[in-house]
Amino acid sequence: MQRKISTKAIVEGALLLGILVILSILTYVPPFSLFSFILLPTPILFAVFRHNLKVATMIGFLSVITLIIVGIDPISSLINGIYASFIGLALGYGFVKKLKPTMTLIITTASLLTAILLIAFLYTTFLEYNIVEEILDLQVQLLESIAERIQETRPPVEEQGDRELFIALTREEIRYIFPGLLVLAATINSFFTIGLTRIILKKFKIETQPFPKFSHWRFGDWLIWTFVAAQLLPIFLPQTKQIAYNVTQVALYGIILQGLAVIYYKISEKIRYAAIKVIIILIILFIPILQSIAMFIGIIDFFWNFRRI
């Protein structure tokens, strides 16, 4: 026999629905827009904690209808509802099931990517507005702007090579690497969303499993073998070249991140001040040759754990 939703769930659900609607409306108020958008998944998350996925999903659906009734345009209401529901359900499921932080990160990232694709589909279908093309336009404009700045500040002998380097990334080439960039952006967004959510839950005396310290970050062997497979796949299946390239980029950043974690671990043995350690890591991250060294350290760390030395 199907279990009915209790009166308590209805009352608390209505309260959480009201909070979600208020947060959605505040996303249109400039001083509060960004902060409100970040907090959108929170009511859905609490619905999962207090009740179950069914109640949480219902709140997300009803929030869209309520926003349309109060006068917010349907597409924006749907976008807020999709974002809040997908991320809130993913976070709630990960925390309630007490999954490892990495698994919660994977689920949240996958949910965010799904939400982005669904939102892009809605924009293209109902508004005839291509978000992907708009992002590509912004990227091309940014590269051209940087190239112009270089041309203004460098002597003629140096400027030509640098300008060609930036202009070489044409629209089609940016489109080529766009999937990998999207995955990286979604992963970073999910990481910070999980961190912020943990802070909020801690205020309500809800304990969650934290990520390991950065110095102890060490990915599974699957990452290095994914990197190797992405290198080999185009040799046997040339039609997978774009997929393999984007997978390579994502895996490569993971390897570099592991190398940076090793370096952070080692410099922590000599340097006490966190600010200095962070500055060193940022310098390594933004200087290509040092970044390459971090990559090689990351690769070696998969086979030989530097932290045991």
C-alpha atoms as a PDB file:
ATOM      1  CA  MET A   1       0.000   0.000   0.000  1.00  0.00           C
ATOM      2  CA  GLN A   2       1.388   3.404  -0.966  1.00  0.00           C
ATOM      3  CA  ARG A   3       2.305   5.548   2.018  1.00  0.00           C
ATOM      4  CA  LYS A   4       0.515   8.912   2.189  1.00  0.00           C
ATOM      5  CA  ILE A   5       2.329  12.150   2.815  1.00  0.00           C
ATOM      6  CA  SER A   6       1.786  13.169   6.451  1.00  0.00           C
ATOM      7  CA  THR A   7       0.290  16.459   7.617  1.00  0.00           C
ATOM      8  CA  LYS A   8       3.660  17.379   9.117  1.00  0.00           C
ATOM      9  CA  ALA A   9       5.318  16.902   5.742  1.00  0.00           C
ATOM     10  CA  ILE A  10       2.676  19.086   4.085  1.00  0.00           C
ATOM     11  CA  VAL A  11       3.118  21.911   6.625  1.00  0.00           C
ATOM     12  CA  GLU A  12       6.916  21.828   6.551  1.00  0.00           C
ATOM     13  CA  GLY A  13       6.843  21.414   2.788  1.00  0.00           C
ATOM     14  CA  ALA A  14       4.698  24.540   2.457  1.00  0.00           C
ATOM     15  CA  LEU A  15       7.170  26.467   4.639  1.00  0.00           C
ATOM     16  CA  LEU A  16      10.151  25.297   2.585  1.00  0.00           C
ATOM     17  CA  LEU A  17       8.218  26.077  -0.604  1.00  0.00           C
ATOM     18  CA  GLY A  18       7.647  29.634   0.645  1.00  0.00           C
ATOM     19  CA  ILE A  19      11.362  30.043   1.376  1.00  0.00           C
ATOM     20  CA  LEU A  20      12.263  28.750  -2.088  1.00  0.00           C
ATOM     21  CA  VAL A  21       9.805  31.139  -3.756  1.00  0.00           C
ATOM     22  CA  ILE A  22      11.204  34.106  -1.782  1.00  0.00           C
ATOM     23  CA  LEU A  23      14.779  33.157  -2.723  1.00  0.00           C
ATOM     24  CA  SER A  24      13.726  32.845  -6.365  1.00  0.00           C
ATOM     25  CA  ILE A  25      12.142  36.308  -6.332  1.00  0.00           C
ATOM     26  CA  LEU A  26      15.260  37.759  -4.676  1.00  0.00           C
ATOM     27  CA  THR A  27      17.371  36.501  -7.599  1.00  0.00           C
ATOM     28  CA  TYR A  28      15.823  39.398  -9.549  1.00  0.00           C
ATOM     29  CA  VAL A  29      16.956  41.967  -6.966  1.00  0.00           C
ATOM     30  CA  PRO A  30      20.549  43.024  -7.896  1.00  0.00           C
ATOM     31  CA  PRO A  31      22.032  43.316  -4.373  1.00  0.00           C
ATOM     32  CA  PHE A  32      20.780  39.834  -3.449  1.00  0.00           C
ATOM     33  CA  SER A  33      20.706  38.052  -6.824  1.00  0.00           C
ATOM     34  CA  LEU A  34      23.948  36.052  -6.652  1.00  0.00           C
ATOM     35  CA  PHE A  35      23.648  35.122  -2.974  1.00  0.00           C
ATOM     36  CA  SER A  36      19.991  34.107  -3.403  1.00  0.00           C
ATOM     37  CA  PHE A  37      20.782  31.977  -6.455  1.00  0.00           C
ATOM     38  CA  ILE A  38      23.514  30.133  -4.548  1.00  0.00           C
ATOM     39  CA  LEU A  39      21.047  29.417  -1.722  1.00  0.00           C
ATOM     40  CA  LEU A  40      18.247  28.216  -4.047  1.00  0.00           C
ATOM     41  CA  PRO A  41      18.901  24.471  -3.511  1.00  0.00           C
ATOM     42  CA  THR A  42      18.829  24.822   0.304  1.00  0.00           C
ATOM     43  CA  PRO A  43      15.034  24.360   0.831  1.00  0.00           C
ATOM     44  CA  ILE A  44      15.081  21.259  -1.392  1.00  0.00           C
ATOM     45  CA  LEU A  45      18.059  19.952   0.556  1.00  0.00           C
ATOM     46  CA  PHE A  46      16.266  20.384   3.889  1.00  0.00           C
ATOM     47  CA  ALA A  47      13.173  18.691   2.447  1.00  0.00           C
ATOM     48  CA  VAL A  48      15.302  15.624   1.692  1.00  0.00           C
ATOM     49  CA  PHE A  49      16.745  15.695   5.211  1.00  0.00           C
ATOM     50  CA  ARG A  50      13.391  16.197   6.929  1.00  0.00           C
ATOM     51  CA  HIS A  51      11.333  13.901   4.725  1.00  0.00           C
ATOM     52  CA  ASN A  52      12.319  12.220   1.457  1.00  0.00           C
ATOM     53  CA  LEU A  53      13.101  12.730  -2.213  1.00  0.00           C
ATOM     54  CA  LYS A  54       9.404  12.612  -3.120  1.00  0.00           C
ATOM     55  CA  VAL A  55       8.491  15.601  -0.931  1.00  0.00           C
ATOM     56  CA  ALA A  56      11.582  17.508  -2.095  1.00  0.00           C
ATOM     57  CA  THR A  57      10.758  16.911  -5.768  1.00  0.00           C
ATOM     58  CA  MET A  58       7.176  18.071  -5.189  1.00  0.00           C
ATOM     59  CA  ILE A  59       8.422  21.314  -3.599  1.00  0.00           C
ATOM     60  CA  GLY A  60      10.639  21.998  -6.614  1.00  0.00           C
ATOM     61  CA  PHE A  61       7.717  21.417  -9.000  1.00  0.00           C
ATOM     62  CA  LEU A  62       5.285  23.550  -6.981  1.00  0.00           C
ATOM     63  CA  SER A  63       7.815  26.385  -6.729  1.00  0.00           C
ATOM     64  CA  VAL A  64       7.737  26.764 -10.524  1.00  0.00           C
ATOM     65  CA  ILE A  65       3.926  26.950 -10.562  1.00  0.00           C
ATOM     66  CA  THR A  66       3.853  29.391  -7.625  1.00  0.00           C
ATOM     67  CA  LEU A  67       6.413  31.709  -9.244  1.00  0.00           C
ATOM     68  CA  ILE A  68       4.387  31.804 -12.456  1.00  0.00           C
ATOM     69  CA  ILE A  69       1.230  32.632 -10.452  1.00  0.00           C
ATOM     70  CA  VAL A  70       2.917  35.543  -8.633  1.00  0.00           C
ATOM     71  CA  GLY A  71       4.004  37.048 -11.948  1.00  0.00           C
ATOM     72  CA  ILE A  72       7.535  35.787 -12.614  1.00  0.00           C
ATOM     73  CA  ASP A  73       8.002  34.784 -16.259  1.00  0.00           C
ATOM     74  CA  PRO A  74       7.642  31.016 -16.904  1.00  0.00           C
ATOM     75  CA  ILE A  75      11.122  30.385 -18.340  1.00  0.00           C
ATOM     76  CA  SER A  76      12.942  32.089 -15.444  1.00  0.00           C
ATOM     77  CA  SER A  77      10.697  30.292 -12.949  1.00  0.00           C
ATOM     78  CA  LEU A  78      11.428  26.984 -14.632  1.00  0.00           C
ATOM     79  CA  ILE A  79      15.177  27.643 -14.655  1.00  0.00           C
ATOM     80  CA  ASN A  80      15.228  28.458 -10.928  1.00  0.00           C
ATOM     81  CA  GLY A  81      13.092  25.397 -10.197  1.00  0.00           C
ATOM     82  CA  ILE A  82      15.324  23.120 -12.277  1.00  0.00           C
ATOM     83  CA  TYR A  83      18.530  24.411 -10.698  1.00  0.00           C
ATOM     84  CA  ALA A  84      17.188  24.249  -7.134  1.00  0.00           C
ATOM     85  CA  SER A  85      15.663  20.791  -7.610  1.00  0.00           C
ATOM     86  CA  PHE A  86      18.584  19.102  -9.363  1.00  0.00           C
ATOM     87  CA  ILE A  87      21.274  20.443  -7.035  1.00  0.00           C
ATOM     88  CA  GLY A  88      19.166  20.184  -3.868  1.00  0.00           C
ATOM     89  CA  LEU A  89      18.179  16.575  -4.580  1.00  0.00           C
ATOM     90  CA  ALA A  90      21.767  15.598  -5.412  1.00  0.00           C
ATOM     91  CA  LEU A  91      23.197  17.206  -2.272  1.00  0.00           C
ATOM     92  CA  GLY A  92      20.394  15.850  -0.103  1.00  0.00           C
ATOM     93  CA  TYR A  93      20.831  12.319  -1.418  1.00  0.00           C
ATOM     94  CA  GLY A  94      24.608  12.441  -0.943  1.00  0.00           C
ATOM     95  CA  PHE A  95      24.429  13.780   2.610  1.00  0.00           C
ATOM     96  CA  VAL A  96      21.499  11.625   3.788  1.00  0.00           C
ATOM     97  CA  LYS A  97      23.072   8.444   2.416  1.00  0.00           C
ATOM     98  CA  LYS A  98      26.389   9.513   3.987  1.00  0.00           C
ATOM     99  CA  LEU A  99      28.236   9.001   0.721  1.00  0.00           C
ATOM    100  CA  LYS A 100      31.927   9.786   0.478  1.00  0.00           C
ATOM    101  CA  PRO A 101      32.555  13.469  -0.345  1.00  0.00           C
ATOM    102  CA  THR A 102      34.023  12.552  -3.728  1.00  0.00           C
ATOM    103  CA  MET A 103      30.893  10.577  -4.652  1.00  0.00           C
ATOM    104  CA  THR A 104      28.669  13.462  -3.527  1.00  0.00           C
ATOM    105  CA  LEU A 105      30.798  15.754  -5.699  1.00  0.00           C
ATOM    106  CA  ILE A 106      30.379  13.457  -8.715  1.00  0.00           C
ATOM    107  CA  ILE A 107      26.595  13.223  -8.242  1.00  0.00           C
ATOM    108  CA  THR A 108      26.256  16.991  -7.761  1.00  0.00           C
ATOM    109  CA  THR A 109      28.409  17.721 -10.809  1.00  0.00           C
ATOM    110  CA  ALA A 110      26.382  15.302 -12.943  1.00  0.00           C
ATOM    111  CA  SER A 111      23.150  16.901 -11.703  1.00  0.00           C
ATOM    112  CA  LEU A 112      24.441  20.398 -12.447  1.00  0.00           C
ATOM    113  CA  LEU A 113      25.489  19.388 -15.967  1.00  0.00           C
ATOM    114  CA  THR A 114      22.062  17.839 -16.545  1.00  0.00           C
ATOM    115  CA  ALA A 115      20.383  21.023 -15.292  1.00  0.00           C
ATOM    116  CA  ILE A 116      22.564  23.188 -17.563  1.00  0.00           C
ATOM    117  CA  LEU A 117      21.769  21.060 -20.621  1.00  0.00           C
ATOM    118  CA  LEU A 118      18.054  21.119 -19.816  1.00  0.00           C
ATOM    119  CA  ILE A 119      18.092  24.898 -19.310  1.00  0.00           C
ATOM    120  CA  ALA A 120      19.996  25.369 -22.592  1.00  0.00           C
ATOM    121  CA  PHE A 121      17.399  23.205 -24.340  1.00  0.00           C
ATOM    122  CA  LEU A 122      14.547  25.303 -22.924  1.00  0.00           C
ATOM    123  CA  TYR A 123      16.193  28.554 -24.010  1.00  0.00           C
ATOM    124  CA  THR A 124      16.804  27.240 -27.519  1.00  0.00           C
ATOM    125  CA  THR A 125      13.336  25.697 -27.885  1.00  0.00           C
ATOM    126  CA  PHE A 126      11.100  28.386 -26.405  1.00  0.00           C
ATOM    127  CA  LEU A 127      13.129  31.582 -26.711  1.00  0.00           C
ATOM    128  CA  GLU A 128      15.209  30.699 -29.783  1.00  0.00           C
ATOM    129  CA  TYR A 129      18.235  31.862 -27.802  1.00  0.00           C
ATOM    130  CA  ASN A 130      21.387  29.759 -28.117  1.00  0.00           C
ATOM    131  CA  ILE A 131      23.290  29.991 -24.833  1.00  0.00           C
ATOM    132  CA  VAL A 132      26.243  28.018 -26.189  1.00  0.00           C
ATOM    133  CA  GLU A 133      26.714  30.404 -29.126  1.00  0.00           C
ATOM    134  CA  GLU A 134      26.456  33.373 -26.757  1.00  0.00           C
ATOM    135  CA  ILE A 135      29.182  31.926 -24.520  1.00  0.00           C
ATOM    136  CA  LEU A 136      31.366  31.242 -27.561  1.00  0.00           C
ATOM    137  CA  ASP A 137      30.912  34.854 -28.693  1.00  0.00           C
ATOM    138  CA  LEU A 138      31.999  36.106 -25.269  1.00  0.00           C
ATOM    139  CA  GLN A 139      35.078  33.850 -25.311  1.00  0.00           C
ATOM    140  CA  VAL A 140      36.120  35.033 -28.775  1.00  0.00           C
ATOM    141  CA  GLN A 141      35.605  38.683 -27.762  1.00  0.00           C
ATOM    142  CA  LEU A 142      37.694  38.114 -24.633  1.00  0.00           C
ATOM    143  CA  LEU A 143      40.560  36.594 -26.631  1.00  0.00           C
ATOM    144  CA  GLU A 144      40.457  39.413 -29.179  1.00  0.00           C
ATOM    145  CA  SER A 145      40.470  41.985 -26.368  1.00  0.00           C
ATOM    146  CA  ILE A 146      43.506  40.340 -24.759  1.00  0.00           C
ATOM    147  CA  ALA A 147      45.269  40.212 -28.129  1.00  0.00           C
ATOM    148  CA  GLU A 148      44.616  43.934 -28.662  1.00  0.00           C
ATOM    149  CA  ARG A 149      46.014  44.747 -25.217  1.00  0.00           C
ATOM    150  CA  ILE A 150      49.160  42.783 -26.040  1.00  0.00           C
ATOM    151  CA  GLN A 151      49.480  44.637 -29.336  1.00  0.00           C
ATOM    152  CA  GLU A 152      49.274  47.977 -27.508  1.00  0.00           C
ATOM    153  CA  THR A 153      51.855  47.137 -24.818  1.00  0.00           C
ATOM    154  CA  ARG A 154      54.414  44.966 -26.639  1.00  0.00           C
ATOM    155  CA  PRO A 155      57.009  46.013 -29.225  1.00  0.00           C
ATOM    156  CA  PRO A 156      56.185  45.015 -32.823  1.00  0.00           C
ATOM    157  CA  VAL A 157      58.741  42.184 -32.825  1.00  0.00           C
ATOM    158  CA  GLU A 158      57.072  40.439 -29.883  1.00  0.00           C
ATOM    159  CA  GLU A 159      53.437  41.296 -30.505  1.00  0.00           C
ATOM    160  CA  GLN A 160      52.879  39.305 -33.682  1.00  0.00           C
ATOM    161  CA  GLY A 161      53.540  35.861 -32.200  1.00  0.00           C
ATOM    162  CA  ASP A 162      51.467  36.548 -29.096  1.00  0.00           C
ATOM    163  CA  ARG A 163      48.592  37.975 -31.117  1.00  0.00           C
ATOM    164  CA  GLU A 164      48.563  34.942 -33.387  1.00  0.00           C
ATOM    165  CA  LEU A 165      48.584  32.694 -30.330  1.00  0.00           C
ATOM    166  CA  PHE A 166      45.373  34.244 -29.012  1.00  0.00           C
ATOM    167  CA  ILE A 167      43.602  34.646 -32.348  1.00  0.00           C
ATOM    168  CA  ALA A 168      44.425  31.017 -33.209  1.00  0.00           C
ATOM    169  CA  LEU A 169      41.665  29.960 -30.825  1.00  0.00           C
ATOM    170  CA  THR A 170      38.851  30.443 -33.313  1.00  0.00           C
ATOM    171  CA  ARG A 171      35.189  29.932 -32.634  1.00  0.00           C
ATOM    172  CA  GLU A 172      35.355  26.338 -33.868  1.00  0.00           C
ATOM    173  CA  GLU A 173      38.354  25.527 -31.674  1.00  0.00           C
ATOM    174  CA  ILE A 174      36.646  26.981 -28.618  1.00  0.00           C
ATOM    175  CA  ARG A 175      33.575  24.942 -29.507  1.00  0.00           C
ATOM    176  CA  TYR A 176      35.868  21.893 -29.713  1.00  0.00           C
ATOM    177  CA  ILE A 177      37.073  22.252 -26.120  1.00  0.00           C
ATOM    178  CA  PHE A 178      33.780  23.611 -24.747  1.00  0.00           C
ATOM    179  CA  PRO A 179      32.507  20.278 -23.268  1.00  0.00           C
ATOM    180  CA  GLY A 180      35.677  19.831 -21.211  1.00  0.00           C
ATOM    181  CA  LEU A 181      35.534  23.410 -19.964  1.00  0.00           C
ATOM    182  CA  LEU A 182      31.884  22.928 -19.027  1.00  0.00           C
ATOM    183  CA  VAL A 183      32.689  19.809 -16.980  1.00  0.00           C
ATOM    184  CA  LEU A 184      35.536  21.597 -15.200  1.00  0.00           C
ATOM    185  CA  ALA A 185      33.344  24.613 -14.424  1.00  0.00           C
ATOM    186  CA  ALA A 186      30.539  22.374 -13.133  1.00  0.00           C
ATOM    187  CA  THR A 187      32.990  20.454 -10.936  1.00  0.00           C
ATOM    188  CA  ILE A 188      34.445  23.621  -9.415  1.00  0.00           C
ATOM    189  CA  ASN A 189      30.956  25.065  -8.874  1.00  0.00           C
ATOM    190  CA  SER A 190      29.789  21.842  -7.214  1.00  0.00           C
ATOM    191  CA  PHE A 191      32.841  21.754  -4.944  1.00  0.00           C
ATOM    192  CA  PHE A 192      32.175  25.246  -3.595  1.00  0.00           C
ATOM    193  CA  THR A 193      28.423  24.573  -3.391  1.00  0.00           C
ATOM    194  CA  ILE A 194      29.082  21.509  -1.237  1.00  0.00           C
ATOM    195  CA  GLY A 195      31.425  23.530   0.980  1.00  0.00           C
ATOM    196  CA  LEU A 196      28.847  26.304   1.447  1.00  0.00           C
ATOM    197  CA  THR A 197      26.089  23.766   2.095  1.00  0.00           C
ATOM    198  CA  ARG A 198      28.168  22.073   4.789  1.00  0.00           C
ATOM    199  CA  ILE A 199      28.584  25.434   6.539  1.00  0.00           C
ATOM    200  CA  ILE A 200      24.804  26.008   6.450  1.00  0.00           C
ATOM    201  CA  LEU A 201      24.052  22.491   7.717  1.00  0.00           C
ATOM    202  CA  LYS A 202      26.579  22.910  10.524  1.00  0.00           C
ATOM    203  CA  LYS A 203      24.616  25.943  11.744  1.00  0.00           C
ATOM    204  CA  PHE A 204      21.641  23.590  12.140  1.00  0.00           C
ATOM    205  CA  LYS A 205      23.741  21.009  14.032  1.00  0.00           C
ATOM    206  CA  ILE A 206      23.767  18.638  11.053  1.00  0.00           C
ATOM    207  CA  GLU A 207      27.169  17.009  10.682  1.00  0.00           C
ATOM    208  CA  THR A 208      28.406  15.915   7.266  1.00  0.00           C
ATOM    209  CA  GLN A 209      31.559  14.188   6.122  1.00  0.00           C
ATOM    210  CA  PRO A 210      34.147  16.783   5.043  1.00  0.00           C
ATOM    211  CA  PHE A 211      36.553  16.580   2.141  1.00  0.00           C
ATOM    212  CA  PRO A 212      40.072  15.463   3.096  1.00  0.00           C
ATOM    213  CA  LYS A 213      42.644  18.199   3.652  1.00  0.00           C
ATOM    214  CA  PHE A 214      44.008  19.486   0.350  1.00  0.00           C
ATOM    215  CA  SER A 215      47.463  18.150   1.187  1.00  0.00           C
ATOM    216  CA  HIS A 216      45.983  14.624   1.347  1.00  0.00           C
ATOM    217  CA  TRP A 217      44.037  14.760  -1.899  1.00  0.00           C
ATOM    218  CA  ARG A 218      44.841  11.635  -3.887  1.00  0.00           C
ATOM    219  CA  PHE A 219      42.605  10.386  -6.674  1.00  0.00           C
ATOM    220  CA  GLY A 220      42.077   6.743  -7.496  1.00  0.00           C
ATOM    221  CA  ASP A 221      44.051   4.924 -10.183  1.00  0.00           C
ATOM    222  CA  TRP A 222      41.014   5.309 -12.447  1.00  0.00           C
ATOM    223  CA  LEU A 223      42.074   8.894 -13.210  1.00  0.00           C
ATOM    224  CA  ILE A 224      45.511   8.055 -14.606  1.00  0.00           C
ATOM    225  CA  TRP A 225      44.109   5.149 -16.625  1.00  0.00           C
ATOM    226  CA  THR A 226      41.336   7.401 -17.945  1.00  0.00           C
ATOM    227  CA  PHE A 227      44.058   9.806 -19.063  1.00  0.00           C
ATOM    228  CA  VAL A 228      45.976   6.988 -20.785  1.00  0.00           C
ATOM    229  CA  ALA A 229      42.810   5.620 -22.434  1.00  0.00           C
ATOM    230  CA  ALA A 230      41.914   9.090 -23.738  1.00  0.00           C
ATOM    231  CA  GLN A 231      45.372   9.316 -25.328  1.00  0.00           C
ATOM    232  CA  LEU A 232      45.068   5.924 -27.024  1.00  0.00           C
ATOM    233  CA  LEU A 233      41.405   5.978 -28.054  1.00  0.00           C
ATOM    234  CA  PRO A 234      41.768   8.282 -31.120  1.00  0.00           C
ATOM    235  CA  ILE A 235      44.472   5.980 -32.516  1.00  0.00           C
ATOM    236  CA  PHE A 236      41.986   3.129 -32.835  1.00  0.00           C
ATOM    237  CA  LEU A 237      38.796   5.193 -33.210  1.00  0.00           C
ATOM    238  CA  PRO A 238      39.607   8.497 -34.981  1.00  0.00           C
ATOM    239  CA  GLN A 239      35.957   9.600 -34.808  1.00  0.00           C
ATOM    240  CA  THR A 240      36.289   9.871 -31.002  1.00  0.00           C
ATOM    241  CA  LYS A 241      39.006  12.528 -31.234  1.00  0.00           C
ATOM    242  CA  GLN A 242      36.929  15.378 -29.780  1.00  0.00           C
ATOM    243  CA  ILE A 243      35.580  13.256 -26.923  1.00  0.00           C
ATOM    244  CA  ALA A 244      39.066  11.947 -26.128  1.00  0.00           C
ATOM    245  CA  TYR A 245      40.525  15.462 -26.201  1.00  0.00           C
ATOM    246  CA  ASN A 246      37.982  16.813 -23.719  1.00  0.00           C
ATOM    247  CA  VAL A 247      38.363  13.783 -21.433  1.00  0.00           C
ATOM    248  CA  THR A 248      42.135  14.309 -21.582  1.00  0.00           C
ATOM    249  CA  GLN A 249      41.784  17.936 -20.500  1.00  0.00           C
ATOM    250  CA  VAL A 250      39.577  17.075 -17.523  1.00  0.00           C
ATOM    251  CA  ALA A 251      41.846  14.194 -16.440  1.00  0.00           C
ATOM    252  CA  LEU A 252      44.928  16.373 -16.900  1.00  0.00           C
ATOM    253  CA  TYR A 253      43.602  19.040 -14.543  1.00  0.00           C
ATOM    254  CA  GLY A 254      42.886  16.306 -11.995  1.00  0.00           C
ATOM    255  CA  ILE A 255      46.478  15.060 -12.290  1.00  0.00           C
ATOM    256  CA  ILE A 256      47.855  18.595 -11.920  1.00  0.00           C
ATOM    257  CA  LEU A 257      45.633  19.085  -8.870  1.00  0.00           C
ATOM    258  CA  GLN A 258      47.067  15.923  -7.297  1.00  0.00           C
ATOM    259  CA  GLY A 259      50.581  17.189  -8.033  1.00  0.00           C
ATOM    260  CA  LEU A 260      49.753  20.497  -6.348  1.00  0.00           C
ATOM    261  CA  ALA A 261      48.427  18.582  -3.329  1.00  0.00           C
ATOM    262  CA  VAL A 262      51.768  16.746  -3.057  1.00  0.00           C
ATOM    263  CA  ILE A 263      53.685  20.026  -3.287  1.00  0.00           C
ATOM    264  CA  TYR A 264      51.397  21.601  -0.670  1.00  0.00           C
ATOM    265  CA  TYR A 265      52.018  18.613   1.611  1.00  0.00           C
ATOM    266  CA  LYS A 266      55.784  18.955   1.278  1.00  0.00           C
ATOM    267  CA  ILE A 267      55.970  22.722   1.737  1.00  0.00           C
ATOM    268  CA  SER A 268      53.694  22.383   4.793  1.00  0.00           C
ATOM    269  CA  GLU A 269      56.561  20.551   6.475  1.00  0.00           C
ATOM    270  CA  LYS A 270      58.717  23.684   6.156  1.00  0.00           C
ATOM    271  CA  ILE A 271      56.245  26.592   6.075  1.00  0.00           C
ATOM    272  CA  ARG A 272      53.635  27.242   8.766  1.00  0.00           C
ATOM    273  CA  TYR A 273      51.741  30.202   7.316  1.00  0.00           C
ATOM    274  CA  ALA A 274      48.791  29.152   5.141  1.00  0.00           C
ATOM    275  CA  ALA A 275      48.820  32.395   3.119  1.00  0.00           C
ATOM    276  CA  ILE A 276      52.398  31.805   1.941  1.00  0.00           C
ATOM    277  CA  LYS A 277      51.582  28.210   0.978  1.00  0.00           C
ATOM    278  CA  VAL A 278      48.543  29.323  -1.021  1.00  0.00           C
ATOM    279  CA  ILE A 279      50.602  31.979  -2.840  1.00  0.00           C
ATOM    280  CA  ILE A 280      53.213  29.360  -3.777  1.00  0.00           C
ATOM    281  CA  ILE A 281      50.512  27.034  -5.145  1.00  0.00           C
ATOM    282  CA  LEU A 282      48.955  29.876  -7.174  1.00  0.00           C
ATOM    283  CA  ILE A 283      52.351  30.791  -8.640  1.00  0.00           C
ATOM    284  CA  ILE A 284      52.882  27.162  -9.691  1.00  0.00           C
ATOM    285  CA  LEU A 285      49.379  27.008 -11.132  1.00  0.00           C
ATOM    286  CA  PHE A 286      49.816  30.063 -13.375  1.00  0.00           C
ATOM    287  CA  ILE A 287      53.385  29.482 -14.635  1.00  0.00           C
ATOM    288  CA  PRO A 288      53.311  26.883 -17.445  1.00  0.00           C
ATOM    289  CA  ILE A 289      56.694  25.253 -16.764  1.00  0.00           C
ATOM    290  CA  LEU A 290      55.932  24.898 -13.035  1.00  0.00           C
ATOM    291  CA  GLN A 291      52.484  23.572 -13.912  1.00  0.00           C
ATOM    292  CA  SER A 292      54.153  20.899 -16.061  1.00  0.00           C
ATOM    293  CA  ILE A 293      56.352  19.924 -13.120  1.00  0.00           C
ATOM    294  CA  ALA A 294      53.233  19.616 -10.941  1.00  0.00           C
ATOM    295  CA  MET A 295      51.699  17.386 -13.622  1.00  0.00           C
ATOM    296  CA  PHE A 296      54.700  15.021 -13.619  1.00  0.00           C
ATOM    297  CA  ILE A 297      54.674  14.922  -9.812  1.00  0.00           C
ATOM    298  CA  GLY A 298      50.970  14.068  -9.953  1.00  0.00           C
ATOM    299  CA  ILE A 299      51.575  11.227 -12.428  1.00  0.00           C
ATOM    300  CA  ILE A 300      54.399   9.760 -10.332  1.00  0.00           C
ATOM    301  CA  ASP A 301      52.259  10.032  -7.178  1.00  0.00           C
ATOM    302  CA  PHE A 302      49.774   7.535  -8.643  1.00  0.00           C
ATOM    303  CA  PHE A 303      52.473   4.871  -8.581  1.00  0.00           C
ATOM    304  CA  TRP A 304      54.629   6.077  -5.684  1.00  0.00           C
ATOM    305  CA  ASN A 305      52.990   7.894  -2.777  1.00  0.00           C
ATOM    306  CA  PHE A 306      55.211  10.890  -1.989  1.00  0.00           C
ATOM    307  CA  ARG A 307      53.518  11.378   1.381  1.00  0.00           C
ATOM    308  CA  ARG A 308      55.084   8.173   2.695  1.00  0.00           C
ATOM    309  CA  ILE A 309      58.608   9.438   2.118  1.00  0.00           C
END
